[in-house]
């Protein structure tokens, strides 16, 4: 597991209040981890803060799984 993936999982666990064991690369934010729309926006903000990046909100909100979020962030770093 890459450093980026570990950090993404930590942010997801913190924002969505889910057990780290439930967070897999294929886990979908809404369907599997229970994210509501406001939490999706909070996740984007938390990722921006964690990685010190500026994300296009529309593009970021179109990312549906943890694995895709890792790929999205890695491209920005």
Protein backbone atom coordinates (compact mmCIF):
# COMPACT_ATOMS: atom_id res chain seq x y z
CA UNK A 1 0.00 0.00 0.00
CA UNK A 2 1.39 3.38 -1.01
CA UNK A 3 1.77 6.31 1.36
CA UNK A 4 -0.94 8.15 -0.59
CA UNK A 5 -3.34 5.21 -0.18
CA UNK A 6 -2.68 5.02 3.59
CA UNK A 7 -3.35 8.74 3.96
CA UNK A 8 -6.51 8.57 1.82
CA UNK A 9 -7.83 5.69 3.95
CA UNK A 10 -7.09 7.63 7.16
CA UNK A 11 -8.95 10.69 5.86
CA UNK A 12 -11.93 8.55 4.76
CA UNK A 13 -12.06 6.77 8.14
CA UNK A 14 -11.96 10.10 9.97
CA UNK A 15 -14.52 12.00 7.85
CA UNK A 16 -17.01 9.15 7.39
CA UNK A 17 -16.48 7.62 10.86
CA UNK A 18 -16.02 4.11 9.47
CA UNK A 19 -13.71 1.34 10.64
CA UNK A 20 -10.47 1.31 8.62
CA UNK A 21 -11.07 -2.39 7.86
CA UNK A 22 -14.14 -1.48 5.80
CA UNK A 23 -12.10 0.79 3.52
CA UNK A 24 -10.86 -1.09 0.46
CA UNK A 25 -9.76 0.19 -2.95
CA UNK A 26 -13.07 -0.93 -4.46
CA UNK A 27 -15.22 0.53 -1.65
CA UNK A 28 -17.70 3.08 -3.00
CA UNK A 29 -18.04 6.22 -0.89
CA UNK A 30 -21.85 6.40 -0.99
CA UNK A 31 -23.04 2.81 -1.44
CA UNK A 32 -20.44 0.99 0.69
CA UNK A 33 -19.23 3.60 3.19
CA UNK A 34 -22.45 5.55 3.66
CA UNK A 35 -21.25 9.00 2.59
CA UNK A 36 -23.96 11.62 2.27
CA UNK A 37 -23.60 14.52 -0.17
CA UNK A 38 -22.31 16.96 2.47
CA UNK A 39 -19.72 14.39 3.55
CA UNK A 40 -18.52 14.07 -0.04
CA UNK A 41 -17.73 17.80 -0.01
CA UNK A 42 -16.05 17.39 3.39
CA UNK A 43 -13.92 14.57 1.97
CA UNK A 44 -12.71 16.76 -0.89
CA UNK A 45 -11.78 19.50 1.59
CA UNK A 46 -10.02 16.99 3.85
CA UNK A 47 -8.03 15.55 0.93
CA UNK A 48 -7.00 19.07 -0.12
CA UNK A 49 -5.79 19.80 3.40
CA UNK A 50 -4.05 16.43 3.87
CA UNK A 51 -2.14 16.63 0.59
CA UNK A 52 -1.85 20.44 0.30
CA UNK A 53 -3.47 20.42 -3.15
CA UNK A 54 -6.29 22.27 -4.89
CA UNK A 55 -8.83 19.90 -6.44
CA UNK A 56 -11.45 20.70 -9.06
CA UNK A 57 -14.56 20.06 -6.96
CA UNK A 58 -16.72 18.80 -9.82
CA UNK A 59 -14.03 16.35 -10.97
CA UNK A 60 -13.29 15.27 -7.41
CA UNK A 61 -16.96 14.64 -6.64
CA UNK A 62 -17.23 12.41 -9.72
CA UNK A 63 -14.74 9.98 -8.12
CA UNK A 64 -16.82 7.14 -6.66
CA UNK A 65 -14.35 4.68 -5.07
CA UNK A 66 -11.42 4.83 -2.67
CA UNK A 67 -9.05 3.41 -5.31
CA UNK A 68 -10.07 6.04 -7.86
CA UNK A 69 -9.55 8.75 -5.23
CA UNK A 70 -6.00 7.48 -4.67
CA UNK A 71 -5.33 7.56 -8.44
CA UNK A 72 -6.87 11.05 -8.73
CA UNK A 73 -4.70 12.43 -5.91
CA UNK A 74 -1.52 10.69 -7.12
CA UNK A 75 -1.93 12.41 -10.52
CA UNK A 76 -2.09 15.78 -8.76
CA UNK A 77 1.05 15.26 -6.65
